Amino acid sequence: MLTLTLMLLSAAPDAPTRTAPAVLLSQAPAESARAVLERARKLAEELRYEEAVVEYQRYLGLPNRPTTERAQVLLDVGYIHLQLEDVTNAEQRIAEALEQDAWVRAPAGAPPKQVELIERVRAQLAARPKLEVLPREGAADPRRVRASLKDPQGRTSEVLLRHAPVPDGPYRAARMACESGTCEGELPTPGSSTNFTAWYFLEALDAQGNTLARAAHPKAPLQLSIIEQRAWYESPWVYAGGAAVLIGAAAVFFVAADPG
């Protein structure tokens, strides 16, 4: 056994000054995503499910992984939860997998209960209400908000336009009028002002007040600025800690043309 001894030598007062060599401690390179994934799958094959889930979660925490690979990992985690008889988490992970990649499939030769799980969750997602803000029409009142509502099972009781004069709320609600899958509402003008900015998001609720679908989110609201009663710009920003962070690929600007 070799022992490494670090000795600190003090030079005599009349001895020349010597500079001790620096001892550099470097961390080993971060473990590759592939290694983490292989270990997770090996643990799952050995039926060490709890340990496998920890490793899978490590993988899912890594940035810049391919979407299809992440979807397959979420599928694997869902199957582990199914083995552990945790149906709620199993369905949640399968749903996340399908949201990452709608074409993800159970592997060839998968047990029937795994195939049934993914197809059941796929059907649930297809039946889930979907709410989407529609582009503004050129001549329409700029305060008017239009949305598309797709609700195959007719579970939606009302759609609310939640709005606030500041990005962190509090948000007030205005009920939107819905007909033939299109909902319309209006952002209120504060007082008699013709210039204002509003932050807003939309919610579809069932008869019990449960949220079924959203367009935007209170933590990632849409923003609309009105200048002289004309839409100046609209952008999907997240406001956190006083800083604006753009979500999505780009902001969409609506610049009003001067009247002819």
C-alpha atoms as a PDB file:
ATOM      1  CA  MET A   1       0.000   0.000   0.000  1.00  0.00           C
ATOM      2  CA  LEU A   2       1.409   3.345  -1.029  1.00  0.00           C
ATOM      3  CA  THR A   3       1.011   6.332   1.253  1.00  0.00           C
ATOM      4  CA  LEU A   4       1.128   9.825  -0.179  1.00  0.00           C
ATOM      5  CA  THR A   5       2.599  12.279   2.324  1.00  0.00           C
ATOM      6  CA  LEU A   6       2.429  16.017   1.784  1.00  0.00           C
ATOM      7  CA  MET A   7       5.269  17.780   3.628  1.00  0.00           C
ATOM      8  CA  LEU A   8       5.365  21.508   4.179  1.00  0.00           C
ATOM      9  CA  LEU A   9       9.004  22.641   4.406  1.00  0.00           C
ATOM     10  CA  SER A  10       9.812  25.981   6.022  1.00  0.00           C
ATOM     11  CA  ALA A  11      12.850  27.670   4.565  1.00  0.00           C
ATOM     12  CA  ALA A  12      15.434  29.023   6.938  1.00  0.00           C
ATOM     13  CA  PRO A  13      15.443  32.806   7.326  1.00  0.00           C
ATOM     14  CA  ASP A  14      18.629  33.100   5.263  1.00  0.00           C
ATOM     15  CA  ALA A  15      17.633  30.525   2.652  1.00  0.00           C
ATOM     16  CA  PRO A  16      16.446  31.610  -0.779  1.00  0.00           C
ATOM     17  CA  THR A  17      12.703  31.713  -1.262  1.00  0.00           C
ATOM     18  CA  ARG A  18      11.320  28.695  -3.069  1.00  0.00           C
ATOM     19  CA  THR A  19       7.906  28.381  -4.663  1.00  0.00           C
ATOM     20  CA  ALA A  20       6.204  25.072  -3.948  1.00  0.00           C
ATOM     21  CA  PRO A  21       4.603  23.404  -6.952  1.00  0.00           C
ATOM     22  CA  ALA A  22       0.838  23.781  -7.062  1.00  0.00           C
ATOM     23  CA  VAL A  23      -1.216  20.666  -6.488  1.00  0.00           C
ATOM     24  CA  LEU A  24      -4.144  20.693  -8.943  1.00  0.00           C
ATOM     25  CA  LEU A  25      -7.210  18.686  -8.146  1.00  0.00           C
ATOM     26  CA  SER A  26      -9.316  18.042 -11.222  1.00  0.00           C
ATOM     27  CA  GLN A  27     -12.679  16.413 -11.254  1.00  0.00           C
ATOM     28  CA  ALA A  28     -13.223  13.376 -13.403  1.00  0.00           C
ATOM     29  CA  PRO A  29     -15.189  14.115 -16.583  1.00  0.00           C
ATOM     30  CA  ALA A  30     -18.945  14.083 -16.132  1.00  0.00           C
ATOM     31  CA  GLU A  31     -20.438  10.675 -16.778  1.00  0.00           C
ATOM     32  CA  SER A  32     -21.874  10.342 -20.258  1.00  0.00           C
ATOM     33  CA  ALA A  33     -25.613  10.210 -20.806  1.00  0.00           C
ATOM     34  CA  ARG A  34     -25.160   6.883 -22.551  1.00  0.00           C
ATOM     35  CA  ALA A  35     -23.475   5.374 -19.480  1.00  0.00           C
ATOM     36  CA  VAL A  36     -26.262   6.603 -17.187  1.00  0.00           C
ATOM     37  CA  LEU A  37     -28.895   5.203 -19.527  1.00  0.00           C
ATOM     38  CA  GLU A  38     -27.185   1.827 -19.862  1.00  0.00           C
ATOM     39  CA  ARG A  39     -26.871   1.511 -16.081  1.00  0.00           C
ATOM     40  CA  ALA A  40     -30.566   2.393 -15.625  1.00  0.00           C
ATOM     41  CA  ARG A  41     -31.619  -0.258 -18.117  1.00  0.00           C
ATOM     42  CA  LYS A  42     -29.334  -2.864 -16.571  1.00  0.00           C
ATOM     43  CA  LEU A  43     -30.830  -2.193 -13.140  1.00  0.00           C
ATOM     44  CA  ALA A  44     -34.323  -2.534 -14.615  1.00  0.00           C
ATOM     45  CA  GLU A  45     -33.364  -5.870 -16.209  1.00  0.00           C
ATOM     46  CA  GLU A  46     -32.162  -7.032 -12.777  1.00  0.00           C
ATOM     47  CA  LEU A  47     -35.571  -6.019 -11.348  1.00  0.00           C
ATOM     48  CA  ARG A  48     -33.918  -3.385  -9.149  1.00  0.00           C
ATOM     49  CA  TYR A  49     -36.697  -0.991 -10.047  1.00  0.00           C
ATOM     50  CA  GLU A  50     -36.275   1.717  -7.404  1.00  0.00           C
ATOM     51  CA  GLU A  51     -32.579   2.086  -8.257  1.00  0.00           C
ATOM     52  CA  ALA A  52     -33.392   2.073 -11.963  1.00  0.00           C
ATOM     53  CA  VAL A  53     -35.867   4.932 -11.538  1.00  0.00           C
ATOM     54  CA  VAL A  54     -33.185   7.017  -9.788  1.00  0.00           C
ATOM     55  CA  GLU A  55     -30.804   6.494 -12.720  1.00  0.00           C
ATOM     56  CA  TYR A  56     -33.506   7.222 -15.269  1.00  0.00           C
ATOM     57  CA  GLN A  57     -34.269  10.467 -13.435  1.00  0.00           C
ATOM     58  CA  ARG A  58     -30.582  11.358 -13.611  1.00  0.00           C
ATOM     59  CA  TYR A  59     -30.730  10.881 -17.355  1.00  0.00           C
ATOM     60  CA  LEU A  60     -33.915  12.963 -17.694  1.00  0.00           C
ATOM     61  CA  GLY A  61     -32.192  15.780 -15.814  1.00  0.00           C
ATOM     62  CA  LEU A  62     -29.483  16.007 -18.475  1.00  0.00           C
ATOM     63  CA  PRO A  63     -29.882  18.834 -21.026  1.00  0.00           C
ATOM     64  CA  ASN A  64     -29.936  18.566 -24.811  1.00  0.00           C
ATOM     65  CA  ARG A  65     -30.969  14.943 -25.105  1.00  0.00           C
ATOM     66  CA  PRO A  66     -32.781  13.832 -28.296  1.00  0.00           C
ATOM     67  CA  THR A  67     -36.552  14.110 -28.027  1.00  0.00           C
ATOM     68  CA  THR A  68     -37.183  10.564 -29.261  1.00  0.00           C
ATOM     69  CA  GLU A  69     -34.697   9.155 -26.752  1.00  0.00           C
ATOM     70  CA  ARG A  70     -36.255  11.096 -23.869  1.00  0.00           C
ATOM     71  CA  ALA A  71     -39.681   9.833 -24.911  1.00  0.00           C
ATOM     72  CA  GLN A  72     -38.457   6.233 -24.863  1.00  0.00           C
ATOM     73  CA  VAL A  73     -36.913   6.735 -21.417  1.00  0.00           C
ATOM     74  CA  LEU A  74     -40.185   8.158 -20.085  1.00  0.00           C
ATOM     75  CA  LEU A  75     -41.906   5.106 -21.543  1.00  0.00           C
ATOM     76  CA  ASP A  76     -39.458   2.840 -19.692  1.00  0.00           C
ATOM     77  CA  VAL A  77     -40.061   4.695 -16.432  1.00  0.00           C
ATOM     78  CA  GLY A  78     -43.813   4.399 -16.933  1.00  0.00           C
ATOM     79  CA  TYR A  79     -43.486   0.633 -17.331  1.00  0.00           C
ATOM     80  CA  ILE A  80     -41.447   0.413 -14.133  1.00  0.00           C
ATOM     81  CA  HIS A  81     -44.158   2.278 -12.216  1.00  0.00           C
ATOM     82  CA  LEU A  82     -46.659  -0.158 -13.714  1.00  0.00           C
ATOM     83  CA  GLN A  83     -44.579  -3.063 -12.386  1.00  0.00           C
ATOM     84  CA  LEU A  84     -44.598  -1.385  -8.984  1.00  0.00           C
ATOM     85  CA  GLU A  85     -48.422  -1.112  -9.239  1.00  0.00           C
ATOM     86  CA  ASP A  86     -48.235   2.684  -9.203  1.00  0.00           C
ATOM     87  CA  VAL A  87     -50.771   3.294 -11.971  1.00  0.00           C
ATOM     88  CA  THR A  88     -51.021   7.056 -11.411  1.00  0.00           C
ATOM     89  CA  ASN A  89     -47.318   7.686 -11.967  1.00  0.00           C
ATOM     90  CA  ALA A  90     -47.246   5.106 -14.752  1.00  0.00           C
ATOM     91  CA  GLU A  91     -49.931   7.001 -16.685  1.00  0.00           C
ATOM     92  CA  GLN A  92     -48.242  10.341 -15.977  1.00  0.00           C
ATOM     93  CA  ARG A  93     -44.903   9.179 -17.396  1.00  0.00           C
ATOM     94  CA  ILE A  94     -46.548   7.605 -20.446  1.00  0.00           C
ATOM     95  CA  ALA A  95     -48.435  10.867 -21.064  1.00  0.00           C
ATOM     96  CA  GLU A  96     -45.162  12.805 -20.856  1.00  0.00           C
ATOM     97  CA  ALA A  97     -43.604  10.357 -23.325  1.00  0.00           C
ATOM     98  CA  LEU A  98     -46.445  10.874 -25.807  1.00  0.00           C
ATOM     99  CA  GLU A  99     -46.250  14.636 -25.408  1.00  0.00           C
ATOM    100  CA  GLN A 100     -42.539  14.439 -26.255  1.00  0.00           C
ATOM    101  CA  ASP A 101     -43.106  12.147 -29.233  1.00  0.00           C
ATOM    102  CA  ALA A 102     -46.638  11.308 -30.355  1.00  0.00           C
ATOM    103  CA  TRP A 103     -45.311   8.381 -32.412  1.00  0.00           C
ATOM    104  CA  VAL A 104     -43.582   6.558 -29.567  1.00  0.00           C
ATOM    105  CA  ARG A 105     -44.612   2.911 -29.387  1.00  0.00           C
ATOM    106  CA  ALA A 106     -44.234  -0.030 -27.040  1.00  0.00           C
ATOM    107  CA  PRO A 107     -41.226  -2.167 -28.033  1.00  0.00           C
ATOM    108  CA  ALA A 108     -41.812  -5.293 -30.100  1.00  0.00           C
ATOM    109  CA  GLY A 109     -42.842  -8.207 -27.910  1.00  0.00           C
ATOM    110  CA  ALA A 110     -43.861  -5.977 -24.987  1.00  0.00           C
ATOM    111  CA  PRO A 111     -46.264  -7.581 -22.477  1.00  0.00           C
ATOM    112  CA  PRO A 112     -49.958  -6.937 -23.220  1.00  0.00           C
ATOM    113  CA  LYS A 113     -50.405  -4.803 -20.098  1.00  0.00           C
ATOM    114  CA  GLN A 114     -47.692  -2.406 -21.320  1.00  0.00           C
ATOM    115  CA  VAL A 115     -49.300  -2.137 -24.744  1.00  0.00           C
ATOM    116  CA  GLU A 116     -52.711  -1.590 -23.121  1.00  0.00           C
ATOM    117  CA  LEU A 117     -51.285   1.136 -20.871  1.00  0.00           C
ATOM    118  CA  ILE A 118     -49.797   3.219 -23.673  1.00  0.00           C
ATOM    119  CA  GLU A 119     -52.897   2.878 -25.850  1.00  0.00           C
ATOM    120  CA  ARG A 120     -55.155   3.827 -22.934  1.00  0.00           C
ATOM    121  CA  VAL A 121     -53.121   6.955 -22.208  1.00  0.00           C
ATOM    122  CA  ARG A 122     -52.997   7.782 -25.916  1.00  0.00           C
ATOM    123  CA  ALA A 123     -56.807   7.689 -26.011  1.00  0.00           C
ATOM    124  CA  GLN A 124     -57.000   9.866 -22.889  1.00  0.00           C
ATOM    125  CA  LEU A 125     -54.751  12.494 -24.484  1.00  0.00           C
ATOM    126  CA  ALA A 126     -56.800  12.456 -27.687  1.00  0.00           C
ATOM    127  CA  ALA A 127     -59.964  13.113 -25.655  1.00  0.00           C
ATOM    128  CA  ARG A 128     -58.386  15.876 -23.562  1.00  0.00           C
ATOM    129  CA  PRO A 129     -59.715  19.401 -24.300  1.00  0.00           C
ATOM    130  CA  LYS A 130     -57.312  21.644 -26.207  1.00  0.00           C
ATOM    131  CA  LEU A 131     -57.375  25.435 -26.046  1.00  0.00           C
ATOM    132  CA  GLU A 132     -55.401  27.633 -28.438  1.00  0.00           C
ATOM    133  CA  VAL A 133     -55.307  31.418 -28.909  1.00  0.00           C
ATOM    134  CA  LEU A 134     -56.133  32.405 -32.496  1.00  0.00           C
ATOM    135  CA  PRO A 135     -54.372  35.200 -34.434  1.00  0.00           C
ATOM    136  CA  ARG A 136     -55.998  38.595 -34.335  1.00  0.00           C
ATOM    137  CA  GLU A 137     -57.991  39.700 -37.349  1.00  0.00           C
ATOM    138  CA  GLY A 138     -56.827  42.925 -38.991  1.00  0.00           C
ATOM    139  CA  ALA A 139     -59.916  45.061 -38.499  1.00  0.00           C
ATOM    140  CA  ALA A 140     -61.035  43.555 -35.188  1.00  0.00           C
ATOM    141  CA  ASP A 141     -60.982  45.381 -31.868  1.00  0.00           C
ATOM    142  CA  PRO A 142     -57.397  44.831 -30.617  1.00  0.00           C
ATOM    143  CA  ARG A 143     -58.728  44.089 -27.132  1.00  0.00           C
ATOM    144  CA  ARG A 144     -60.654  41.111 -28.479  1.00  0.00           C
ATOM    145  CA  VAL A 145     -59.193  37.677 -27.770  1.00  0.00           C
ATOM    146  CA  ARG A 146     -60.242  34.669 -29.842  1.00  0.00           C
ATOM    147  CA  ALA A 147     -59.467  31.033 -29.116  1.00  0.00           C
ATOM    148  CA  SER A 148     -60.072  27.613 -30.584  1.00  0.00           C
ATOM    149  CA  LEU A 149     -61.570  25.003 -28.243  1.00  0.00           C
ATOM    150  CA  LYS A 150     -61.454  21.311 -29.138  1.00  0.00           C
ATOM    151  CA  ASP A 151     -63.318  19.161 -26.632  1.00  0.00           C
ATOM    152  CA  PRO A 152     -64.338  15.784 -28.100  1.00  0.00           C
ATOM    153  CA  GLN A 153     -66.197  14.708 -24.947  1.00  0.00           C
ATOM    154  CA  GLY A 154     -67.896  18.054 -24.278  1.00  0.00           C
ATOM    155  CA  ARG A 155     -66.509  18.308 -20.748  1.00  0.00           C
ATOM    156  CA  THR A 156     -65.896  22.061 -20.827  1.00  0.00           C
ATOM    157  CA  SER A 157     -68.420  24.119 -18.887  1.00  0.00           C
ATOM    158  CA  GLU A 158     -66.852  27.543 -19.418  1.00  0.00           C
ATOM    159  CA  VAL A 159     -63.746  29.247 -20.805  1.00  0.00           C
ATOM    160  CA  LEU A 160     -62.260  32.126 -18.818  1.00  0.00           C
ATOM    161  CA  LEU A 161     -60.046  34.964 -20.015  1.00  0.00           C
ATOM    162  CA  ARG A 162     -57.820  35.714 -17.029  1.00  0.00           C
ATOM    163  CA  HIS A 163     -56.091  39.090 -17.216  1.00  0.00           C
ATOM    164  CA  ALA A 164     -53.953  41.461 -15.151  1.00  0.00           C
ATOM    165  CA  PRO A 165     -52.219  44.840 -15.625  1.00  0.00           C
ATOM    166  CA  VAL A 166     -48.928  43.362 -14.341  1.00  0.00           C
ATOM    167  CA  PRO A 167     -47.309  40.006 -15.208  1.00  0.00           C
ATOM    168  CA  ASP A 168     -47.422  38.545 -11.698  1.00  0.00           C
ATOM    169  CA  GLY A 169     -51.133  39.244 -11.192  1.00  0.00           C
ATOM    170  CA  PRO A 170     -53.448  38.989  -9.399  1.00  0.00           C
ATOM    171  CA  TYR A 171     -55.513  37.851 -12.382  1.00  0.00           C
ATOM    172  CA  ARG A 172     -59.190  38.646 -12.788  1.00  0.00           C
ATOM    173  CA  ALA A 173     -61.495  36.500 -14.890  1.00  0.00           C
ATOM    174  CA  ALA A 174     -63.921  37.321 -17.690  1.00  0.00           C
ATOM    175  CA  ARG A 175     -66.109  34.605 -19.164  1.00  0.00           C
ATOM    176  CA  MET A 176     -65.647  34.028 -22.899  1.00  0.00           C
ATOM    177  CA  ALA A 177     -68.539  33.369 -25.272  1.00  0.00           C
ATOM    178  CA  CYS A 178     -68.061  30.071 -27.117  1.00  0.00           C
ATOM    179  CA  GLU A 179     -69.820  28.876 -30.257  1.00  0.00           C
ATOM    180  CA  SER A 180     -68.908  26.105 -32.722  1.00  0.00           C
ATOM    181  CA  GLY A 181     -65.473  25.614 -31.182  1.00  0.00           C
ATOM    182  CA  THR A 182     -64.496  29.309 -31.193  1.00  0.00           C
ATOM    183  CA  CYS A 183     -64.424  31.389 -27.995  1.00  0.00           C
ATOM    184  CA  GLU A 184     -64.257  35.188 -27.810  1.00  0.00           C
ATOM    185  CA  GLY A 185     -63.618  37.604 -24.978  1.00  0.00           C
ATOM    186  CA  GLU A 186     -62.352  41.123 -24.425  1.00  0.00           C
ATOM    187  CA  LEU A 187     -59.518  42.547 -22.368  1.00  0.00           C
ATOM    188  CA  PRO A 188     -60.959  45.425 -20.316  1.00  0.00           C
ATOM    189  CA  THR A 189     -59.559  48.926 -20.747  1.00  0.00           C
ATOM    190  CA  PRO A 190     -58.368  50.402 -17.430  1.00  0.00           C
ATOM    191  CA  GLY A 191     -60.432  53.559 -16.902  1.00  0.00           C
ATOM    192  CA  SER A 192     -60.569  55.890 -19.912  1.00  0.00           C
ATOM    193  CA  SER A 193     -57.008  55.194 -21.006  1.00  0.00           C
ATOM    194  CA  THR A 194     -56.355  54.417 -24.675  1.00  0.00           C
ATOM    195  CA  ASN A 195     -52.856  53.118 -23.944  1.00  0.00           C
ATOM    196  CA  PHE A 196     -52.338  50.082 -21.758  1.00  0.00           C
ATOM    197  CA  THR A 197     -50.610  46.733 -21.474  1.00  0.00           C
ATOM    198  CA  ALA A 198     -52.327  43.546 -20.363  1.00  0.00           C
ATOM    199  CA  TRP A 199     -51.060  40.097 -19.466  1.00  0.00           C
ATOM    200  CA  TYR A 200     -53.462  37.206 -19.892  1.00  0.00           C
ATOM    201  CA  PHE A 201     -54.048  33.492 -20.262  1.00  0.00           C
ATOM    202  CA  LEU A 202     -57.078  31.311 -20.961  1.00  0.00           C
ATOM    203  CA  GLU A 203     -58.580  28.420 -19.005  1.00  0.00           C
ATOM    204  CA  ALA A 204     -61.200  25.806 -19.884  1.00  0.00           C
ATOM    205  CA  LEU A 205     -63.054  24.586 -16.788  1.00  0.00           C
ATOM    206  CA  ASP A 206     -65.442  21.713 -16.148  1.00  0.00           C
ATOM    207  CA  ALA A 207     -68.697  22.006 -14.198  1.00  0.00           C
ATOM    208  CA  GLN A 208     -66.822  21.544 -10.902  1.00  0.00           C
ATOM    209  CA  GLY A 209     -64.336  24.317 -11.676  1.00  0.00           C
ATOM    210  CA  ASN A 210     -61.432  21.985 -12.451  1.00  0.00           C
ATOM    211  CA  THR A 211     -58.963  23.187 -15.096  1.00  0.00           C
ATOM    212  CA  LEU A 212     -59.175  21.010 -18.208  1.00  0.00           C
ATOM    213  CA  ALA A 213     -56.935  23.013 -20.534  1.00  0.00           C
ATOM    214  CA  ARG A 214     -54.967  26.257 -20.715  1.00  0.00           C
ATOM    215  CA  ALA A 215     -53.640  28.570 -23.378  1.00  0.00           C
ATOM    216  CA  ALA A 216     -50.567  30.223 -21.844  1.00  0.00           C
ATOM    217  CA  HIS A 217     -50.145  30.093 -18.059  1.00  0.00           C
ATOM    218  CA  PRO A 218     -50.045  32.487 -15.075  1.00  0.00           C
ATOM    219  CA  LYS A 219     -46.271  31.909 -14.934  1.00  0.00           C
ATOM    220  CA  ALA A 220     -45.955  32.324 -18.705  1.00  0.00           C
ATOM    221  CA  PRO A 221     -48.696  34.790 -19.701  1.00  0.00           C
ATOM    222  CA  LEU A 222     -49.313  36.366 -23.083  1.00  0.00           C
ATOM    223  CA  GLN A 223     -48.714  40.117 -23.307  1.00  0.00           C
ATOM    224  CA  LEU A 224     -50.611  42.665 -25.373  1.00  0.00           C
ATOM    225  CA  SER A 225     -49.864  46.394 -25.572  1.00  0.00           C
ATOM    226  CA  ILE A 226     -52.487  48.829 -26.893  1.00  0.00           C
ATOM    227  CA  ILE A 227     -51.447  52.238 -28.257  1.00  0.00           C
ATOM    228  CA  GLU A 228     -54.277  54.598 -29.182  1.00  0.00           C
ATOM    229  CA  GLN A 229     -56.697  51.671 -29.257  1.00  0.00           C
ATOM    230  CA  ARG A 230     -54.558  49.751 -31.760  1.00  0.00           C
ATOM    231  CA  ALA A 231     -52.611  46.560 -31.140  1.00  0.00           C
ATOM    232  CA  TRP A 232     -48.957  47.556 -30.981  1.00  0.00           C
ATOM    233  CA  TYR A 233     -47.400  44.218 -30.139  1.00  0.00           C
ATOM    234  CA  GLU A 234     -48.157  40.870 -28.608  1.00  0.00           C
ATOM    235  CA  SER A 235     -45.544  38.495 -27.293  1.00  0.00           C
ATOM    236  CA  PRO A 236     -45.303  35.253 -25.285  1.00  0.00           C
ATOM    237  CA  TRP A 237     -43.011  36.185 -22.415  1.00  0.00           C
ATOM    238  CA  VAL A 238     -42.378  34.607 -19.069  1.00  0.00           C
ATOM    239  CA  TYR A 239     -41.877  37.143 -16.280  1.00  0.00           C
ATOM    240  CA  ALA A 240     -39.860  35.758 -13.392  1.00  0.00           C
ATOM    241  CA  GLY A 241     -38.003  37.686 -10.736  1.00  0.00           C
ATOM    242  CA  GLY A 242     -38.616  40.958 -12.528  1.00  0.00           C
ATOM    243  CA  ALA A 243     -36.912  39.714 -15.717  1.00  0.00           C
ATOM    244  CA  ALA A 244     -38.600  38.862 -18.986  1.00  0.00           C
ATOM    245  CA  VAL A 245     -37.678  35.546 -20.575  1.00  0.00           C
ATOM    246  CA  LEU A 246     -38.942  34.726 -24.039  1.00  0.00           C
ATOM    247  CA  ILE A 247     -40.588  31.345 -24.496  1.00  0.00           C
ATOM    248  CA  GLY A 248     -41.005  29.673 -27.827  1.00  0.00           C
ATOM    249  CA  ALA A 249     -39.030  30.445 -30.926  1.00  0.00           C
ATOM    250  CA  ALA A 250     -39.751  34.147 -31.249  1.00  0.00           C
ATOM    251  CA  ALA A 251     -42.009  36.993 -30.257  1.00  0.00           C
ATOM    252  CA  VAL A 252     -44.742  37.919 -32.713  1.00  0.00           C
ATOM    253  CA  PHE A 253     -45.136  41.625 -33.334  1.00  0.00           C
ATOM    254  CA  PHE A 254     -48.292  43.261 -34.651  1.00  0.00           C
ATOM    255  CA  VAL A 255     -47.461  46.768 -35.892  1.00  0.00           C
ATOM    256  CA  ALA A 256     -50.471  48.938 -36.615  1.00  0.00           C
ATOM    257  CA  ALA A 257     -50.329  50.790 -39.923  1.00  0.00           C
ATOM    258  CA  ASP A 258     -51.110  54.493 -39.955  1.00  0.00           C
ATOM    259  CA  PRO A 259     -54.647  55.186 -41.187  1.00  0.00           C
ATOM    260  CA  GLY A 260     -54.740  56.188 -44.832  1.00  0.00           C
END
